Amino acid sequence: MIPPQFDYAAPATVAEALELLAEHGDDAKVLSGGQSLLPVLRMRLNAPGIIVDISRIEELKGVTEVGDAIRIGAGATYQDVLDSSLVQEHLALLHTALQEVADEQIRHRGTVCGALAHADPAGDVGAPVLALEGRMVIQGPDGERTVDGADFFVDLFETAVGEGELLTAVEIPKHTGWGAHYEKFVRVSHQWAIIGIAAAVRTEGGTIAEARVGLTNMGATPLRARAVEEALVGQEATEEAVAQACAQVAEGTDPPSDLNGQADYRKHVAGVLTRRAVLAAAGA
């Protein structure tokens, strides 16, 4: 299908972008990489009056080190992040998860922050960012504010980014030396995740000292399995101990039922995949 007609603007600065959003309100949609927005437009699920393209704003590009965190600008593509030595060294879980995003063409166009703002629960970015306790940097008419990942994802395709505001970056605390694995379950290569498990583990002498576990497509938003994280601490990185700690990973989740699987099926598979992801992250 062909999208409905719309105006187009490509501001050079964040200030200009915010002015356009303030001027056009709900009639404006933000374009970064476009890998989520363009299909929506082509299917006519949204008909904005103007597209505000932020991909040319230099201040939003790049991956930088900010104290004990890595800052990923809203203009940084998946491939920019994958190529970053900072991400490879300090954010192994994110690096591992991004390798599972679609294909190379999309990874060279789509952006990490664009995926976070789109907030698709089946997307591969939200769970690892949430597990790593990422903080979203949002700019608006009243200045800049930072929102923790736990408060950023509000509901299905809904985030804490308000009217007239722009997600400009995500800052993720360094997890240097942590083992990581992203277990993605799909029927067809490059598909949205039926289920995904993001696991980061820090071990000491074969014992799990800290663990982070994020869940993809197990509810209306990405989820963090805090009970599993707590149960893993102090456990030996053995299959039996990890399986026991991960057995209740689906408690409190609300996965969808669709052609790819019913909710009960997803809950069962989540337990299996969590065990696999944690063991792989622990190097067991």
Protein backbone atom coordinates (compact mmCIF):
# COMPACT_ATOMS: atom_id res chain seq x y z
CA MET A 1 0.00 0.00 0.00
CA ILE A 2 1.00 3.62 -0.48
CA PRO A 3 1.08 5.93 2.57
CA PRO A 4 -1.24 8.94 2.68
CA GLN A 5 0.27 12.29 1.78
CA PHE A 6 2.25 14.12 4.47
CA ASP A 7 4.67 17.01 4.85
CA TYR A 8 8.32 16.35 5.63
CA ALA A 9 10.86 18.24 7.74
CA ALA A 10 14.50 17.40 8.52
CA PRO A 11 15.65 19.65 11.38
CA ALA A 12 19.39 20.14 11.97
CA THR A 13 19.17 20.47 15.75
CA VAL A 14 17.18 19.05 18.65
CA ALA A 15 15.83 22.54 19.34
CA GLU A 16 14.42 22.75 15.81
CA ALA A 17 12.88 19.31 16.14
CA LEU A 18 11.17 20.27 19.39
CA GLU A 19 9.82 23.44 17.80
CA LEU A 20 8.25 21.37 15.02
CA LEU A 21 6.72 18.94 17.52
CA ALA A 22 5.32 21.83 19.54
CA GLU A 23 3.87 23.43 16.42
CA HIS A 24 2.19 20.33 15.01
CA GLY A 25 1.31 18.35 18.17
CA ASP A 26 -0.39 15.00 17.54
CA ASP A 27 -0.23 15.60 13.80
CA ALA A 28 3.56 15.00 13.83
CA LYS A 29 5.44 11.70 13.88
CA VAL A 30 9.17 11.35 14.51
CA LEU A 31 11.31 9.44 12.02
CA SER A 32 14.76 8.15 12.96
CA GLY A 33 15.67 4.97 11.10
CA GLY A 34 12.10 4.38 9.94
CA GLN A 35 12.14 0.60 10.28
CA SER A 36 9.09 0.70 12.55
CA LEU A 37 7.34 3.81 11.25
CA LEU A 38 7.45 3.14 7.51
CA PRO A 39 5.51 -0.17 7.64
CA VAL A 40 2.91 1.53 9.83
CA LEU A 41 2.52 4.30 7.25
CA ARG A 42 2.35 1.88 4.34
CA MET A 43 -0.42 -0.07 6.06
CA ARG A 44 -2.16 3.22 6.84
CA LEU A 45 -2.32 2.44 10.54
CA ASN A 46 -1.27 6.04 11.13
CA ALA A 47 -1.72 9.10 8.96
CA PRO A 48 0.43 11.98 10.29
CA GLY A 49 0.32 15.41 8.73
CA ILE A 50 4.08 15.83 8.99
CA ILE A 51 7.12 13.58 9.45
CA VAL A 52 9.93 15.06 11.53
CA ASP A 53 13.13 13.30 10.43
CA ILE A 54 15.77 13.49 13.18
CA SER A 55 18.32 11.28 11.40
CA ARG A 56 20.39 14.28 10.26
CA ILE A 57 20.86 15.79 13.72
CA GLU A 58 24.57 15.39 14.44
CA GLU A 59 24.24 15.83 18.21
CA LEU A 60 22.08 12.70 18.38
CA LYS A 61 24.60 10.44 16.68
CA GLY A 62 27.29 8.25 18.15
CA VAL A 63 28.07 6.01 21.10
CA THR A 64 30.06 7.63 23.90
CA GLU A 65 31.33 6.95 27.40
CA VAL A 66 29.70 9.01 30.15
CA GLY A 67 31.26 8.16 33.51
CA ASP A 68 30.11 4.69 34.52
CA ALA A 69 27.67 4.42 31.62
CA ILE A 70 27.59 4.14 27.84
CA ARG A 71 25.42 6.72 26.07
CA ILE A 72 23.74 5.73 22.81
CA GLY A 73 22.34 8.66 20.87
CA ALA A 74 18.95 8.54 19.18
CA GLY A 75 20.63 8.68 15.78
CA ALA A 76 22.88 5.66 16.37
CA THR A 77 21.89 2.71 14.22
CA TYR A 78 21.95 -0.88 15.37
CA GLN A 79 25.12 -1.35 13.35
CA ASP A 80 26.76 1.72 14.91
CA VAL A 81 26.14 0.15 18.31
CA LEU A 82 27.33 -3.29 17.20
CA ASP A 83 30.53 -1.77 15.83
CA SER A 84 31.24 0.21 19.01
CA SER A 85 34.18 -1.11 21.03
CA LEU A 86 32.60 0.49 24.11
CA VAL A 87 29.47 -1.62 23.72
CA GLN A 88 31.46 -4.76 22.98
CA GLU A 89 33.54 -4.29 26.13
CA HIS A 90 30.99 -2.96 28.61
CA LEU A 91 27.53 -4.03 27.33
CA ALA A 92 27.93 -7.58 26.09
CA LEU A 93 24.24 -8.36 26.57
CA LEU A 94 23.10 -5.53 24.32
CA HIS A 95 25.73 -6.43 21.73
CA THR A 96 24.58 -10.05 21.73
CA ALA A 97 20.88 -9.14 21.47
CA LEU A 98 21.35 -6.68 18.61
CA GLN A 99 22.90 -9.39 16.49
CA GLU A 100 19.45 -11.03 16.50
CA VAL A 101 17.64 -7.96 15.17
CA ALA A 102 16.23 -8.64 11.69
CA ASP A 103 18.89 -8.58 8.98
CA GLU A 104 21.90 -6.47 7.96
CA GLN A 105 19.89 -4.02 5.86
CA ILE A 106 17.61 -3.17 8.77
CA ARG A 107 20.49 -3.05 11.24
CA HIS A 108 22.18 -0.41 9.06
CA ARG A 109 19.04 1.78 9.04
CA GLY A 110 17.09 1.14 12.23
CA THR A 111 18.09 2.76 15.52
CA VAL A 112 18.22 1.49 19.09
CA CYS A 113 16.37 4.51 20.48
CA GLY A 114 13.79 4.28 17.72
CA ALA A 115 13.03 0.72 18.79
CA LEU A 116 12.77 1.80 22.43
CA ALA A 117 10.38 4.62 21.54
CA HIS A 118 8.27 2.27 19.40
CA ALA A 119 8.02 -0.06 22.42
CA ASP A 120 6.99 -3.23 20.61
CA PRO A 121 7.01 -5.97 23.30
CA ALA A 122 8.25 -8.45 20.66
CA GLY A 123 11.23 -6.24 19.78
CA ASP A 124 14.73 -7.36 20.74
CA VAL A 125 15.96 -4.11 22.33
CA GLY A 126 13.68 -3.43 25.30
CA ALA A 127 14.47 -6.55 27.38
CA PRO A 128 18.27 -6.20 27.37
CA VAL A 129 18.12 -2.45 28.02
CA LEU A 130 15.67 -3.03 30.87
CA ALA A 131 17.79 -5.85 32.32
CA LEU A 132 20.90 -3.66 32.21
CA GLU A 133 19.01 -0.87 34.01
CA GLY A 134 19.18 1.59 31.13
CA ARG A 135 18.06 5.18 31.63
CA MET A 136 16.18 7.03 28.88
CA VAL A 137 17.11 10.65 28.22
CA ILE A 138 14.08 12.68 27.13
CA GLN A 139 14.05 16.31 25.99
CA GLY A 140 11.03 18.55 25.81
CA PRO A 141 9.85 22.15 26.16
CA ASP A 142 10.77 22.11 29.86
CA GLY A 143 14.27 20.76 29.34
CA GLU A 144 15.87 17.35 29.78
CA ARG A 145 14.79 14.55 32.10
CA THR A 146 15.94 10.99 32.70
CA VAL A 147 13.56 8.05 33.13
CA ASP A 148 14.55 4.61 34.42
CA GLY A 149 13.73 1.70 32.13
CA ALA A 150 11.26 0.32 34.68
CA ASP A 151 9.20 3.52 34.36
CA PHE A 152 9.76 4.13 30.65
CA PHE A 153 7.65 1.29 29.25
CA VAL A 154 4.05 2.14 30.16
CA ASP A 155 1.90 -0.20 28.05
CA LEU A 156 1.64 -1.76 24.60
CA PHE A 157 3.43 0.66 22.20
CA GLU A 158 3.27 3.32 24.92
CA THR A 159 6.18 4.96 26.73
CA ALA A 160 6.90 7.81 29.12
CA VAL A 161 7.76 10.13 26.21
CA GLY A 162 5.11 12.83 26.40
CA GLU A 163 3.57 15.12 23.80
CA GLY A 164 6.15 17.48 22.38
CA GLU A 165 9.03 15.43 23.80
CA LEU A 166 11.82 13.50 22.11
CA LEU A 167 13.83 10.49 23.22
CA THR A 168 17.39 11.70 22.59
CA ALA A 169 19.54 8.94 24.11
CA VAL A 170 19.73 5.91 26.35
CA GLU A 171 22.42 5.63 29.00
CA ILE A 172 23.26 2.11 30.17
CA PRO A 173 25.50 1.40 33.18
CA LYS A 174 28.64 -0.55 32.35
CA HIS A 175 28.52 -4.28 33.01
CA THR A 176 32.17 -4.94 32.27
CA GLY A 177 33.19 -8.55 32.59
CA TRP A 178 29.65 -9.92 32.78
CA GLY A 179 28.78 -12.96 30.70
CA ALA A 180 25.79 -12.49 28.43
CA HIS A 181 23.40 -14.39 26.18
CA TYR A 182 20.19 -13.61 24.30
CA GLU A 183 18.01 -16.65 23.62
CA LYS A 184 15.49 -15.85 20.88
CA PHE A 185 12.77 -18.29 19.86
CA VAL A 186 11.32 -17.85 16.35
CA ARG A 187 9.74 -19.99 13.65
CA VAL A 188 11.31 -18.10 10.74
CA SER A 189 14.69 -16.36 10.59
CA HIS A 190 14.55 -12.57 11.15
CA GLN A 191 11.06 -12.83 12.65
CA TRP A 192 9.87 -10.86 15.66
CA ALA A 193 10.57 -12.87 18.80
CA ILE A 194 7.90 -15.33 19.86
CA ILE A 195 9.83 -15.29 23.13
CA GLY A 196 13.22 -13.81 23.97
CA ILE A 197 15.32 -14.09 27.12
CA ALA A 198 18.13 -11.61 27.83
CA ALA A 199 20.52 -12.82 30.53
CA ALA A 200 23.63 -11.19 31.99
CA VAL A 201 25.57 -12.96 34.72
CA ARG A 202 28.60 -12.11 36.85
CA THR A 203 30.26 -15.13 38.39
CA GLU A 204 32.88 -15.54 41.09
CA GLY A 205 34.62 -18.88 41.29
CA GLY A 206 31.83 -20.77 39.58
CA THR A 207 29.13 -19.14 41.74
CA ILE A 208 26.63 -16.58 40.44
CA ALA A 209 27.29 -13.30 42.23
CA GLU A 210 24.82 -11.14 40.27
CA ALA A 211 22.27 -11.78 37.53
CA ARG A 212 20.03 -9.73 35.26
CA VAL A 213 17.19 -11.28 33.27
CA GLY A 214 14.88 -9.51 30.81
CA LEU A 215 11.88 -11.01 29.01
CA THR A 216 10.77 -10.28 25.45
CA ASN A 217 7.12 -10.73 24.39
CA MET A 218 5.95 -12.06 27.75
CA GLY A 219 3.56 -9.16 28.35
CA ALA A 220 2.45 -5.80 26.98
CA THR A 221 5.92 -4.37 27.75
CA PRO A 222 9.42 -5.78 28.17
CA LEU A 223 9.72 -7.33 31.62
CA ARG A 224 12.45 -7.95 34.15
CA ALA A 225 12.47 -11.24 36.06
CA ARG A 226 13.62 -9.91 39.41
CA ALA A 227 12.54 -12.98 41.37
CA VAL A 228 14.71 -15.15 39.13
CA GLU A 229 17.62 -12.74 39.50
CA GLU A 230 17.39 -12.96 43.28
CA ALA A 231 17.06 -16.75 43.23
CA LEU A 232 20.19 -17.09 41.08
CA VAL A 233 22.48 -15.15 43.43
CA GLY A 234 24.69 -17.52 45.38
CA GLN A 235 23.85 -20.52 43.23
CA GLU A 236 26.51 -22.60 41.54
CA ALA A 237 26.40 -22.29 37.77
CA THR A 238 25.17 -25.85 37.30
CA GLU A 239 22.23 -27.00 35.22
CA GLU A 240 20.32 -28.29 38.23
CA ALA A 241 20.75 -25.17 40.37
CA VAL A 242 20.00 -22.78 37.51
CA ALA A 243 16.95 -24.78 36.38
CA GLN A 244 15.50 -24.60 39.87
CA ALA A 245 16.08 -20.84 40.12
CA CYS A 246 14.55 -20.21 36.68
CA ALA A 247 11.51 -22.48 37.05
CA GLN A 248 9.17 -19.68 38.11
CA VAL A 249 10.24 -17.14 35.49
CA ALA A 250 6.73 -16.94 33.98
CA GLU A 251 4.99 -16.06 37.24
CA GLY A 252 3.32 -12.67 36.98
CA THR A 253 3.72 -12.50 33.20
CA ASP A 254 0.89 -12.11 30.71
CA PRO A 255 2.11 -13.36 27.32
CA PRO A 256 -0.14 -13.13 24.26
CA SER A 257 -1.94 -16.03 22.61
CA ASP A 258 -1.70 -16.03 18.83
CA LEU A 259 -0.87 -18.21 15.83
CA ASN A 260 2.69 -18.63 17.12
CA GLY A 261 1.59 -20.14 20.42
CA GLN A 262 -0.84 -19.90 23.31
CA ALA A 263 0.03 -18.13 26.55
CA ASP A 264 0.56 -21.36 28.49
CA TYR A 265 2.94 -22.61 25.82
CA ARG A 266 4.95 -19.41 25.98
CA LYS A 267 5.17 -19.65 29.77
CA HIS A 268 6.51 -23.18 29.53
CA VAL A 269 9.07 -22.30 26.86
CA ALA A 270 10.17 -19.24 28.84
CA GLY A 271 11.38 -21.48 31.66
CA VAL A 272 13.41 -23.62 29.27
CA LEU A 273 14.94 -20.65 27.46
CA THR A 274 15.78 -18.80 30.67
CA ARG A 275 17.73 -21.79 31.93
CA ARG A 276 19.62 -21.98 28.63
CA ALA A 277 20.33 -18.25 28.53
CA VAL A 278 21.58 -18.09 32.13
CA LEU A 279 23.83 -21.13 31.72
CA ALA A 280 25.28 -19.73 28.51
CA ALA A 281 25.86 -16.33 30.14
CA ALA A 282 27.58 -18.04 33.08
CA GLY A 283 29.81 -19.97 30.71
CA ALA A 284 28.47 -23.29 31.94
